[in-house]
mmCIF file of all heavy atoms, coordinates in Angstrom:
data_MODEL
# 
_entry.id   MODEL 
# 
loop_
_atom_site.group_PDB 
_atom_site.id 
_atom_site.type_symbol 
_atom_site.label_atom_id 
_atom_site.label_alt_id 
_atom_site.label_comp_id 
_atom_site.label_asym_id 
_atom_site.label_entity_id 
_atom_site.label_seq_id 
_atom_site.pdbx_PDB_ins_code 
_atom_site.Cartn_x 
_atom_site.Cartn_y 
_atom_site.Cartn_z 
_atom_site.occupancy 
_atom_site.B_iso_or_equiv 
_atom_site.pdbx_formal_charge 
_atom_site.auth_seq_id 
_atom_site.auth_comp_id 
_atom_site.auth_asym_id 
_atom_site.auth_atom_id 
_atom_site.pdbx_PDB_model_num 
ATOM 1   N N   . LYS A 1 1  ? 2.845   27.286 -25.791 1.00 0.00 ? 1  LYS A N   1 
ATOM 2   C CA  . LYS A 1 1  ? 4.022   26.491 -26.089 1.00 0.00 ? 1  LYS A CA  1 
ATOM 3   C C   . LYS A 1 1  ? 5.206   27.410 -26.351 1.00 0.00 ? 1  LYS A C   1 
ATOM 4   O O   . LYS A 1 1  ? 5.020   28.558 -26.753 1.00 0.00 ? 1  LYS A O   1 
ATOM 5   C CB  . LYS A 1 1  ? 3.781   25.617 -27.329 1.00 0.00 ? 1  LYS A CB  1 
ATOM 6   C CG  . LYS A 1 1  ? 2.583   24.695 -27.230 1.00 0.00 ? 1  LYS A CG  1 
ATOM 7   C CD  . LYS A 1 1  ? 2.364   23.962 -28.545 1.00 0.00 ? 1  LYS A CD  1 
ATOM 8   C CE  . LYS A 1 1  ? 1.181   23.029 -28.468 1.00 0.00 ? 1  LYS A CE  1 
ATOM 9   N NZ  . LYS A 1 1  ? 0.961   22.323 -29.764 1.00 0.00 ? 1  LYS A NZ  1 
ATOM 10  N N   . PRO A 1 2  ? 6.430   26.918 -26.159 1.00 0.00 ? 2  PRO A N   1 
ATOM 11  C CA  . PRO A 1 2  ? 7.595   27.757 -26.467 1.00 0.00 ? 2  PRO A CA  1 
ATOM 12  C C   . PRO A 1 2  ? 7.580   28.305 -27.888 1.00 0.00 ? 2  PRO A C   1 
ATOM 13  O O   . PRO A 1 2  ? 8.031   29.439 -28.109 1.00 0.00 ? 2  PRO A O   1 
ATOM 14  C CB  . PRO A 1 2  ? 8.774   26.814 -26.237 1.00 0.00 ? 2  PRO A CB  1 
ATOM 15  C CG  . PRO A 1 2  ? 8.278   25.872 -25.189 1.00 0.00 ? 2  PRO A CG  1 
ATOM 16  C CD  . PRO A 1 2  ? 6.827   25.658 -25.516 1.00 0.00 ? 2  PRO A CD  1 
ATOM 17  N N   . GLU A 1 3  ? 7.063   27.543 -28.845 1.00 0.00 ? 3  GLU A N   1 
ATOM 18  C CA  . GLU A 1 3  ? 7.021   28.010 -30.220 1.00 0.00 ? 3  GLU A CA  1 
ATOM 19  C C   . GLU A 1 3  ? 6.016   29.133 -30.452 1.00 0.00 ? 3  GLU A C   1 
ATOM 20  O O   . GLU A 1 3  ? 5.970   29.703 -31.540 1.00 0.00 ? 3  GLU A O   1 
ATOM 21  C CB  . GLU A 1 3  ? 6.744   26.849 -31.185 1.00 0.00 ? 3  GLU A CB  1 
ATOM 22  C CG  . GLU A 1 3  ? 5.533   26.017 -30.820 1.00 0.00 ? 3  GLU A CG  1 
ATOM 23  C CD  . GLU A 1 3  ? 5.890   24.747 -30.061 1.00 0.00 ? 3  GLU A CD  1 
ATOM 24  O OE1 . GLU A 1 3  ? 6.715   24.833 -29.124 1.00 0.00 ? 3  GLU A OE1 1 
ATOM 25  O OE2 . GLU A 1 3  ? 5.352   23.677 -30.407 1.00 0.00 ? 3  GLU A OE2 1 
ATOM 26  N N   . ASP A 1 4  ? 5.210   29.462 -29.449 1.00 0.00 ? 4  ASP A N   1 
ATOM 27  C CA  . ASP A 1 4  ? 4.336   30.624 -29.528 1.00 0.00 ? 4  ASP A CA  1 
ATOM 28  C C   . ASP A 1 4  ? 5.073   31.919 -29.230 1.00 0.00 ? 4  ASP A C   1 
ATOM 29  O O   . ASP A 1 4  ? 4.492   33.004 -29.376 1.00 0.00 ? 4  ASP A O   1 
ATOM 30  C CB  . ASP A 1 4  ? 3.158   30.490 -28.563 1.00 0.00 ? 4  ASP A CB  1 
ATOM 31  C CG  . ASP A 1 4  ? 2.239   29.336 -28.911 1.00 0.00 ? 4  ASP A CG  1 
ATOM 32  O OD1 . ASP A 1 4  ? 1.953   29.130 -30.102 1.00 0.00 ? 4  ASP A OD1 1 
ATOM 33  O OD2 . ASP A 1 4  ? 1.799   28.641 -27.974 1.00 0.00 ? 4  ASP A OD2 1 
ATOM 34  N N   . THR A 1 5  ? 6.315   31.832 -28.794 1.00 0.00 ? 5  THR A N   1 
ATOM 35  C CA  . THR A 1 5  ? 7.093   33.015 -28.485 1.00 0.00 ? 5  THR A CA  1 
ATOM 36  C C   . THR A 1 5  ? 7.254   33.884 -29.727 1.00 0.00 ? 5  THR A C   1 
ATOM 37  O O   . THR A 1 5  ? 7.727   33.419 -30.764 1.00 0.00 ? 5  THR A O   1 
ATOM 38  C CB  . THR A 1 5  ? 8.467   32.626 -27.934 1.00 0.00 ? 5  THR A CB  1 
ATOM 39  O OG1 . THR A 1 5  ? 8.304   31.936 -26.693 1.00 0.00 ? 5  THR A OG1 1 
ATOM 40  C CG2 . THR A 1 5  ? 9.334   33.855 -27.704 1.00 0.00 ? 5  THR A CG2 1 
ATOM 41  N N   . ALA A 1 6  ? 6.849   35.143 -29.628 1.00 0.00 ? 6  ALA A N   1 
ATOM 42  C CA  . ALA A 1 6  ? 6.879   36.053 -30.765 1.00 0.00 ? 6  ALA A CA  1 
ATOM 43  C C   . ALA A 1 6  ? 6.417   37.425 -30.303 1.00 0.00 ? 6  ALA A C   1 
ATOM 44  O O   . ALA A 1 6  ? 5.905   37.584 -29.192 1.00 0.00 ? 6  ALA A O   1 
ATOM 45  C CB  . ALA A 1 6  ? 5.976   35.557 -31.898 1.00 0.00 ? 6  ALA A CB  1 
ATOM 46  N N   . VAL A 1 7  ? 6.588   38.400 -31.178 1.00 0.00 ? 7  VAL A N   1 
ATOM 47  C CA  . VAL A 1 7  ? 5.920   39.680 -31.017 1.00 0.00 ? 7  VAL A CA  1 
ATOM 48  C C   . VAL A 1 7  ? 4.563   39.568 -31.695 1.00 0.00 ? 7  VAL A C   1 
ATOM 49  O O   . VAL A 1 7  ? 4.475   39.178 -32.865 1.00 0.00 ? 7  VAL A O   1 
ATOM 50  C CB  . VAL A 1 7  ? 6.729   40.836 -31.620 1.00 0.00 ? 7  VAL A CB  1 
ATOM 51  C CG1 . VAL A 1 7  ? 5.962   42.153 -31.484 1.00 0.00 ? 7  VAL A CG1 1 
ATOM 52  C CG2 . VAL A 1 7  ? 8.087   40.943 -30.938 1.00 0.00 ? 7  VAL A CG2 1 
ATOM 53  N N   . TYR A 1 8  ? 3.519   39.890 -30.972 1.00 0.00 ? 8  TYR A N   1 
ATOM 54  C CA  . TYR A 1 8  ? 2.159   39.793 -31.470 1.00 0.00 ? 8  TYR A CA  1 
ATOM 55  C C   . TYR A 1 8  ? 1.645   41.170 -31.842 1.00 0.00 ? 8  TYR A C   1 
ATOM 56  O O   . TYR A 1 8  ? 1.761   42.121 -31.061 1.00 0.00 ? 8  TYR A O   1 
ATOM 57  C CB  . TYR A 1 8  ? 1.246   39.151 -30.421 1.00 0.00 ? 8  TYR A CB  1 
ATOM 58  C CG  . TYR A 1 8  ? 1.442   37.655 -30.323 1.00 0.00 ? 8  TYR A CG  1 
ATOM 59  C CD1 . TYR A 1 8  ? 2.592   37.129 -29.758 1.00 0.00 ? 8  TYR A CD1 1 
ATOM 60  C CD2 . TYR A 1 8  ? 0.474   36.778 -30.810 1.00 0.00 ? 8  TYR A CD2 1 
ATOM 61  C CE1 . TYR A 1 8  ? 2.786   35.757 -29.685 1.00 0.00 ? 8  TYR A CE1 1 
ATOM 62  C CE2 . TYR A 1 8  ? 0.655   35.410 -30.739 1.00 0.00 ? 8  TYR A CE2 1 
ATOM 63  C CZ  . TYR A 1 8  ? 1.812   34.906 -30.173 1.00 0.00 ? 8  TYR A CZ  1 
ATOM 64  O OH  . TYR A 1 8  ? 1.991   33.536 -30.098 1.00 0.00 ? 8  TYR A OH  1 
ATOM 65  N N   . TYR A 1 9  ? 1.059   41.270 -33.040 1.00 0.00 ? 9  TYR A N   1 
ATOM 66  C CA  . TYR A 1 9  ? 0.590   42.533 -33.584 1.00 0.00 ? 9  TYR A CA  1 
ATOM 67  C C   . TYR A 1 9  ? -0.909  42.485 -33.851 1.00 0.00 ? 9  TYR A C   1 
ATOM 68  O O   . TYR A 1 9  ? -1.415  41.516 -34.413 1.00 0.00 ? 9  TYR A O   1 
ATOM 69  C CB  . TYR A 1 9  ? 1.292   42.854 -34.910 1.00 0.00 ? 9  TYR A CB  1 
ATOM 70  C CG  . TYR A 1 9  ? 2.782   43.039 -34.794 1.00 0.00 ? 9  TYR A CG  1 
ATOM 71  C CD1 . TYR A 1 9  ? 3.644   41.965 -34.949 1.00 0.00 ? 9  TYR A CD1 1 
ATOM 72  C CD2 . TYR A 1 9  ? 3.326   44.296 -34.545 1.00 0.00 ? 9  TYR A CD2 1 
ATOM 73  C CE1 . TYR A 1 9  ? 5.014   42.135 -34.858 1.00 0.00 ? 9  TYR A CE1 1 
ATOM 74  C CE2 . TYR A 1 9  ? 4.692   44.473 -34.454 1.00 0.00 ? 9  TYR A CE2 1 
ATOM 75  C CZ  . TYR A 1 9  ? 5.528   43.391 -34.612 1.00 0.00 ? 9  TYR A CZ  1 
ATOM 76  O OH  . TYR A 1 9  ? 6.887   43.554 -34.528 1.00 0.00 ? 9  TYR A OH  1 
ATOM 77  N N   . CYS A 1 10 ? -1.579  43.540 -33.491 1.00 0.00 ? 10 CYS A N   1 
ATOM 78  C CA  . CYS A 1 10 ? -2.979  43.730 -33.826 1.00 0.00 ? 10 CYS A CA  1 
ATOM 79  C C   . CYS A 1 10 ? -3.085  44.369 -35.204 1.00 0.00 ? 10 CYS A C   1 
ATOM 80  O O   . CYS A 1 10 ? -2.286  45.240 -35.557 1.00 0.00 ? 10 CYS A O   1 
ATOM 81  C CB  . CYS A 1 10 ? -3.639  44.620 -32.771 1.00 0.00 ? 10 CYS A CB  1 
ATOM 82  S SG  . CYS A 1 10 ? -5.397  44.918 -33.002 1.00 0.00 ? 10 CYS A SG  1 
ATOM 83  N N   . ASN A 1 11 ? -4.073  43.942 -35.979 1.00 0.00 ? 11 ASN A N   1 
ATOM 84  C CA  . ASN A 1 11 ? -4.263  44.448 -37.339 1.00 0.00 ? 11 ASN A CA  1 
ATOM 85  C C   . ASN A 1 11 ? -5.734  44.740 -37.599 1.00 0.00 ? 11 ASN A C   1 
ATOM 86  O O   . ASN A 1 11 ? -6.609  43.995 -37.159 1.00 0.00 ? 11 ASN A O   1 
ATOM 87  C CB  . ASN A 1 11 ? -3.756  43.426 -38.359 1.00 0.00 ? 11 ASN A CB  1 
ATOM 88  C CG  . ASN A 1 11 ? -4.125  43.779 -39.785 1.00 0.00 ? 11 ASN A CG  1 
ATOM 89  O OD1 . ASN A 1 11 ? -5.080  43.240 -40.358 1.00 0.00 ? 11 ASN A OD1 1 
ATOM 90  N ND2 . ASN A 1 11 ? -3.365  44.692 -40.378 1.00 0.00 ? 11 ASN A ND2 1 
ATOM 91  N N   . ALA A 1 12 ? -5.984  45.813 -38.332 1.00 0.00 ? 12 ALA A N   1 
ATOM 92  C CA  . ALA A 1 12 ? -7.323  46.160 -38.797 1.00 0.00 ? 12 ALA A CA  1 
ATOM 93  C C   . ALA A 1 12 ? -7.280  46.352 -40.296 1.00 0.00 ? 12 ALA A C   1 
ATOM 94  O O   . ALA A 1 12 ? -6.457  47.120 -40.803 1.00 0.00 ? 12 ALA A O   1 
ATOM 95  C CB  . ALA A 1 12 ? -7.829  47.425 -38.105 1.00 0.00 ? 12 ALA A CB  1 
ATOM 96  N N   . ARG A 1 13 ? -8.155  45.657 -41.016 1.00 0.00 ? 13 ARG A N   1 
ATOM 97  C CA  . ARG A 1 13 ? -8.235  45.750 -42.472 1.00 0.00 ? 13 ARG A CA  1 
ATOM 98  C C   . ARG A 1 13 ? -9.629  46.214 -42.853 1.00 0.00 ? 13 ARG A C   1 
ATOM 99  O O   . ARG A 1 13 ? -10.615 45.559 -42.497 1.00 0.00 ? 13 ARG A O   1 
ATOM 100 C CB  . ARG A 1 13 ? -7.914  44.398 -43.116 1.00 0.00 ? 13 ARG A CB  1 
ATOM 101 C CG  . ARG A 1 13 ? -7.898  44.432 -44.642 1.00 0.00 ? 13 ARG A CG  1 
ATOM 102 C CD  . ARG A 1 13 ? -7.380  43.119 -45.230 1.00 0.00 ? 13 ARG A CD  1 
ATOM 103 N NE  . ARG A 1 13 ? -8.311  42.019 -45.035 1.00 0.00 ? 13 ARG A NE  1 
ATOM 104 C CZ  . ARG A 1 13 ? -8.145  41.028 -44.180 1.00 0.00 ? 13 ARG A CZ  1 
ATOM 105 N NH1 . ARG A 1 13 ? -7.056  40.983 -43.415 1.00 0.00 ? 13 ARG A NH1 1 
ATOM 106 N NH2 . ARG A 1 13 ? -9.050  40.071 -44.084 1.00 0.00 ? 13 ARG A NH2 1 
ATOM 107 N N   . HIS A 1 14 ? -9.701  47.317 -43.599 1.00 0.00 ? 14 HIS A N   1 
ATOM 108 C CA  . HIS A 1 14 ? -10.990 47.873 -43.966 1.00 0.00 ? 14 HIS A CA  1 
ATOM 109 C C   . HIS A 1 14 ? -11.735 46.907 -44.872 1.00 0.00 ? 14 HIS A C   1 
ATOM 110 O O   . HIS A 1 14 ? -11.174 46.372 -45.826 1.00 0.00 ? 14 HIS A O   1 
ATOM 111 C CB  . HIS A 1 14 ? -10.786 49.220 -44.673 1.00 0.00 ? 14 HIS A CB  1 
ATOM 112 C CG  . HIS A 1 14 ? -11.990 50.101 -44.678 1.00 0.00 ? 14 HIS A CG  1 
ATOM 113 N ND1 . HIS A 1 14 ? -13.066 49.864 -45.503 1.00 0.00 ? 14 HIS A ND1 1 
ATOM 114 C CD2 . HIS A 1 14 ? -12.294 51.202 -43.949 1.00 0.00 ? 14 HIS A CD2 1 
ATOM 115 C CE1 . HIS A 1 14 ? -13.977 50.802 -45.290 1.00 0.00 ? 14 HIS A CE1 1 
ATOM 116 N NE2 . HIS A 1 14 ? -13.532 51.617 -44.360 1.00 0.00 ? 14 HIS A NE2 1 
ATOM 117 N N   . ARG A 1 15 ? -12.994 46.694 -44.602 1.00 0.00 ? 15 ARG A N   1 
ATOM 118 C CA  . ARG A 1 15 ? -13.766 45.725 -45.366 1.00 0.00 ? 15 ARG A CA  1 
ATOM 119 C C   . ARG A 1 15 ? -14.123 46.233 -46.755 1.00 0.00 ? 15 ARG A C   1 
ATOM 120 O O   . ARG A 1 15 ? -14.217 45.438 -47.697 1.00 0.00 ? 15 ARG A O   1 
ATOM 121 C CB  . ARG A 1 15 ? -15.031 45.333 -44.606 1.00 0.00 ? 15 ARG A CB  1 
ATOM 122 C CG  . ARG A 1 15 ? -14.749 44.645 -43.274 1.00 0.00 ? 15 ARG A CG  1 
ATOM 123 C CD  . ARG A 1 15 ? -15.958 43.906 -42.771 1.00 0.00 ? 15 ARG A CD  1 
ATOM 124 N NE  . ARG A 1 15 ? -16.306 42.788 -43.648 1.00 0.00 ? 15 ARG A NE  1 
ATOM 125 C CZ  . ARG A 1 15 ? -17.374 42.022 -43.502 1.00 0.00 ? 15 ARG A CZ  1 
ATOM 126 N NH1 . ARG A 1 15 ? -18.210 42.254 -42.493 1.00 0.00 ? 15 ARG A NH1 1 
ATOM 127 N NH2 . ARG A 1 15 ? -17.615 41.031 -44.345 1.00 0.00 ? 15 ARG A NH2 1 
ATOM 128 N N   . ALA A 1 16 ? -14.321 47.532 -46.932 1.00 0.00 ? 16 ALA A N   1 
ATOM 129 C CA  . ALA A 1 16 ? -14.666 48.106 -48.229 1.00 0.00 ? 16 ALA A CA  1 
ATOM 130 C C   . ALA A 1 16 ? -13.436 48.501 -49.033 1.00 0.00 ? 16 ALA A C   1 
ATOM 131 O O   . ALA A 1 16 ? -13.432 48.384 -50.266 1.00 0.00 ? 16 ALA A O   1 
ATOM 132 C CB  . ALA A 1 16 ? -15.581 49.314 -48.052 1.00 0.00 ? 16 ALA A CB  1 
ATOM 133 N N   . PHE A 1 17 ? -12.403 48.974 -48.357 1.00 0.00 ? 17 PHE A N   1 
ATOM 134 C CA  . PHE A 1 17 ? -11.160 49.387 -48.998 1.00 0.00 ? 17 PHE A CA  1 
ATOM 135 C C   . PHE A 1 17 ? -10.042 48.547 -48.399 1.00 0.00 ? 17 PHE A C   1 
ATOM 136 O O   . PHE A 1 17 ? -9.375  48.959 -47.441 1.00 0.00 ? 17 PHE A O   1 
ATOM 137 C CB  . PHE A 1 17 ? -10.913 50.880 -48.805 1.00 0.00 ? 17 PHE A CB  1 
ATOM 138 C CG  . PHE A 1 17 ? -12.020 51.735 -49.343 1.00 0.00 ? 17 PHE A CG  1 
ATOM 139 C CD1 . PHE A 1 17 ? -13.027 52.197 -48.516 1.00 0.00 ? 17 PHE A CD1 1 
ATOM 140 C CD2 . PHE A 1 17 ? -12.056 52.069 -50.686 1.00 0.00 ? 17 PHE A CD2 1 
ATOM 141 C CE1 . PHE A 1 17 ? -14.054 52.976 -49.019 1.00 0.00 ? 17 PHE A CE1 1 
ATOM 142 C CE2 . PHE A 1 17 ? -13.076 52.853 -51.200 1.00 0.00 ? 17 PHE A CE2 1 
ATOM 143 C CZ  . PHE A 1 17 ? -14.077 53.303 -50.364 1.00 0.00 ? 17 PHE A CZ  1 
ATOM 144 N N   . THR A 1 18 ? -9.846  47.381 -48.977 1.00 0.00 ? 18 THR A N   1 
ATOM 145 C CA  . THR A 1 18 ? -9.003  46.373 -48.348 1.00 0.00 ? 18 THR A CA  1 
ATOM 146 C C   . THR A 1 18 ? -7.532  46.735 -48.325 1.00 0.00 ? 18 THR A C   1 
ATOM 147 O O   . THR A 1 18 ? -6.766  46.105 -47.590 1.00 0.00 ? 18 THR A O   1 
ATOM 148 C CB  . THR A 1 18 ? -9.184  45.011 -49.027 1.00 0.00 ? 18 THR A CB  1 
ATOM 149 O OG1 . THR A 1 18 ? -8.895  45.126 -50.421 1.00 0.00 ? 18 THR A OG1 1 
ATOM 150 C CG2 . THR A 1 18 ? -10.617 44.519 -48.846 1.00 0.00 ? 18 THR A CG2 1 
ATOM 151 N N   . SER A 1 19 ? -7.121  47.731 -49.117 1.00 0.00 ? 19 SER A N   1 
ATOM 152 C CA  . SER A 1 19 ? -5.736  48.172 -49.058 1.00 0.00 ? 19 SER A CA  1 
ATOM 153 C C   . SER A 1 19 ? -5.445  48.994 -47.816 1.00 0.00 ? 19 SER A C   1 
ATOM 154 O O   . SER A 1 19 ? -4.272  49.235 -47.507 1.00 0.00 ? 19 SER A O   1 
ATOM 155 C CB  . SER A 1 19 ? -5.373  48.987 -50.305 1.00 0.00 ? 19 SER A CB  1 
ATOM 156 O OG  . SER A 1 19 ? -6.131  50.176 -50.373 1.00 0.00 ? 19 SER A OG  1 
ATOM 157 N N   . ILE A 1 20 ? -6.471  49.399 -47.102 1.00 0.00 ? 20 ILE A N   1 
ATOM 158 C CA  . ILE A 1 20 ? -6.289  50.177 -45.883 1.00 0.00 ? 20 ILE A CA  1 
ATOM 159 C C   . ILE A 1 20 ? -6.067  49.214 -44.729 1.00 0.00 ? 20 ILE A C   1 
ATOM 160 O O   . ILE A 1 20 ? -6.963  48.443 -44.371 1.00 0.00 ? 20 ILE A O   1 
ATOM 161 C CB  . ILE A 1 20 ? -7.490  51.091 -45.607 1.00 0.00 ? 20 ILE A CB  1 
ATOM 162 C CG1 . ILE A 1 20 ? -7.660  52.092 -46.751 1.00 0.00 ? 20 ILE A CG1 1 
ATOM 163 C CG2 . ILE A 1 20 ? -7.325  51.814 -44.278 1.00 0.00 ? 20 ILE A CG2 1 
ATOM 164 C CD1 . ILE A 1 20 ? -8.889  52.977 -46.614 1.00 0.00 ? 20 ILE A CD1 1 
ATOM 165 N N   . ASN A 1 21 ? -4.876  49.243 -44.185 1.00 0.00 ? 21 ASN A N   1 
ATOM 166 C CA  . ASN A 1 21 ? -4.487  48.388 -43.080 1.00 0.00 ? 21 ASN A CA  1 
ATOM 167 C C   . ASN A 1 21 ? -3.840  49.223 -41.988 1.00 0.00 ? 21 ASN A C   1 
ATOM 168 O O   . ASN A 1 21 ? -3.047  50.124 -42.264 1.00 0.00 ? 21 ASN A O   1 
ATOM 169 C CB  . ASN A 1 21 ? -3.490  47.313 -43.530 1.00 0.00 ? 21 ASN A CB  1 
ATOM 170 C CG  . ASN A 1 21 ? -4.163  46.113 -44.147 1.00 0.00 ? 21 ASN A CG  1 
ATOM 171 O OD1 . ASN A 1 21 ? -4.556  45.183 -43.438 1.00 0.00 ? 21 ASN A OD1 1 
ATOM 172 N ND2 . ASN A 1 21 ? -4.294  46.133 -45.464 1.00 0.00 ? 21 ASN A ND2 1 
ATOM 173 N N   . TYR A 1 22 ? -4.171  48.897 -40.752 1.00 0.00 ? 22 TYR A N   1 
ATOM 174 C CA  . TYR A 1 22 ? -3.561  49.537 -39.599 1.00 0.00 ? 22 TYR A CA  1 
ATOM 175 C C   . TYR A 1 22 ? -2.932  48.475 -38.717 1.00 0.00 ? 22 TYR A C   1 
ATOM 176 O O   . TYR A 1 22 ? -3.458  47.367 -38.576 1.00 0.00 ? 22 TYR A O   1 
ATOM 177 C CB  . TYR A 1 22 ? -4.589  50.336 -38.805 1.00 0.00 ? 22 TYR A CB  1 
ATOM 178 C CG  . TYR A 1 22 ? -5.272  51.416 -39.611 1.00 0.00 ? 22 TYR A CG  1 
ATOM 179 C CD1 . TYR A 1 22 ? -6.595  51.279 -40.006 1.00 0.00 ? 22 TYR A CD1 1 
ATOM 180 C CD2 . TYR A 1 22 ? -4.587  52.572 -39.973 1.00 0.00 ? 22 TYR A CD2 1 
ATOM 181 C CE1 . TYR A 1 22 ? -7.225  52.264 -40.743 1.00 0.00 ? 22 TYR A CE1 1 
ATOM 182 C CE2 . TYR A 1 22 ? -5.206  53.560 -40.719 1.00 0.00 ? 22 TYR A CE2 1 
ATOM 183 C CZ  . TYR A 1 22 ? -6.525  53.402 -41.098 1.00 0.00 ? 22 TYR A CZ  1 
ATOM 184 O OH  . TYR A 1 22 ? -7.143  54.387 -41.834 1.00 0.00 ? 22 TYR A OH  1 
ATOM 185 N N   . TRP A 1 23 ? -1.820  48.833 -38.114 1.00 0.00 ? 23 TRP A N   1 
ATOM 186 C CA  . TRP A 1 23 ? -1.066  47.914 -37.272 1.00 0.00 ? 23 TRP A CA  1 
ATOM 187 C C   . TRP A 1 23 ? -0.764  48.543 -35.926 1.00 0.00 ? 23 TRP A C   1 
ATOM 188 O O   . TRP A 1 23 ? -0.491  49.741 -35.824 1.00 0.00 ? 23 TRP A O   1 
ATOM 189 C CB  . TRP A 1 23 ? 0.265   47.535 -37.929 1.00 0.00 ? 23 TRP A CB  1 
ATOM 190 C CG  . TRP A 1 23 ? 0.126   46.728 -39.175 1.00 0.00 ? 23 TRP A CG  1 
ATOM 191 C CD1 . TRP A 1 23 ? 0.043   47.198 -40.451 1.00 0.00 ? 23 TRP A CD1 1 
ATOM 192 C CD2 . TRP A 1 23 ? 0.064   45.303 -39.261 1.00 0.00 ? 23 TRP A CD2 1 
ATOM 193 N NE1 . TRP A 1 23 ? -0.071  46.148 -41.333 1.00 0.00 ? 23 TRP A NE1 1 
ATOM 194 C CE2 . TRP A 1 23 ? -0.056  44.976 -40.633 1.00 0.00 ? 23 TRP A CE2 1 
ATOM 195 C CE3 . TRP A 1 23 ? 0.105   44.276 -38.318 1.00 0.00 ? 23 TRP A CE3 1 
ATOM 196 C CZ2 . TRP A 1 23 ? -0.145  43.655 -41.070 1.00 0.00 ? 23 TRP A CZ2 1 
ATOM 197 C CZ3 . TRP A 1 23 ? 0.014   42.968 -38.760 1.00 0.00 ? 23 TRP A CZ3 1 
ATOM 198 C CH2 . TRP A 1 23 ? -0.106  42.672 -40.123 1.00 0.00 ? 23 TRP A CH2 1 
ATOM 199 N N   . GLY A 1 24 ? -0.793  47.721 -34.906 1.00 0.00 ? 24 GLY A N   1 
ATOM 200 C CA  . GLY A 1 24 ? -0.312  48.140 -33.608 1.00 0.00 ? 24 GLY A CA  1 
ATOM 201 C C   . GLY A 1 24 ? 1.195   48.037 -33.528 1.00 0.00 ? 24 GLY A C   1 
ATOM 202 O O   . GLY A 1 24 ? 1.871   47.579 -34.461 1.00 0.00 ? 24 GLY A O   1 
ATOM 203 N N   . GLN A 1 25 ? 1.730   48.453 -32.401 1.00 0.00 ? 25 GLN A N   1 
ATOM 204 C CA  . GLN A 1 25 ? 3.179   48.471 -32.223 1.00 0.00 ? 25 GLN A CA  1 
ATOM 205 C C   . GLN A 1 25 ? 3.743   47.115 -31.828 1.00 0.00 ? 25 GLN A C   1 
ATOM 206 O O   . GLN A 1 25 ? 4.959   46.910 -31.901 1.00 0.00 ? 25 GLN A O   1 
ATOM 207 C CB  . GLN A 1 25 ? 3.561   49.520 -31.164 1.00 0.00 ? 25 GLN A CB  1 
ATOM 208 C CG  . GLN A 1 25 ? 3.454   49.064 -29.711 1.00 0.00 ? 25 GLN A CG  1 
ATOM 209 C CD  . GLN A 1 25 ? 2.035   48.883 -29.212 1.00 0.00 ? 25 GLN A CD  1 
ATOM 210 O OE1 . GLN A 1 25 ? 1.068   49.318 -29.839 1.00 0.00 ? 25 GLN A OE1 1 
ATOM 211 N NE2 . GLN A 1 25 ? 1.901   48.230 -28.067 1.00 0.00 ? 25 GLN A NE2 1 
ATOM 212 N N   . GLY A 1 26 ? 2.899   46.210 -31.416 1.00 0.00 ? 26 GLY A N   1 
ATOM 213 C CA  . GLY A 1 26 ? 3.319   44.876 -31.028 1.00 0.00 ? 26 GLY A CA  1 
ATOM 214 C C   . GLY A 1 26 ? 3.524   44.731 -29.536 1.00 0.00 ? 26 GLY A C   1 
ATOM 215 O O   . GLY A 1 26 ? 3.855   45.687 -28.831 1.00 0.00 ? 26 GLY A O   1 
# 
């Protein structure tokens, strides 16, 4: 749908250390 228009980012969140997050460039 048109409302799906956005920059989409991949994310990884560590399961044991949840403050560790990684992001793609979009």
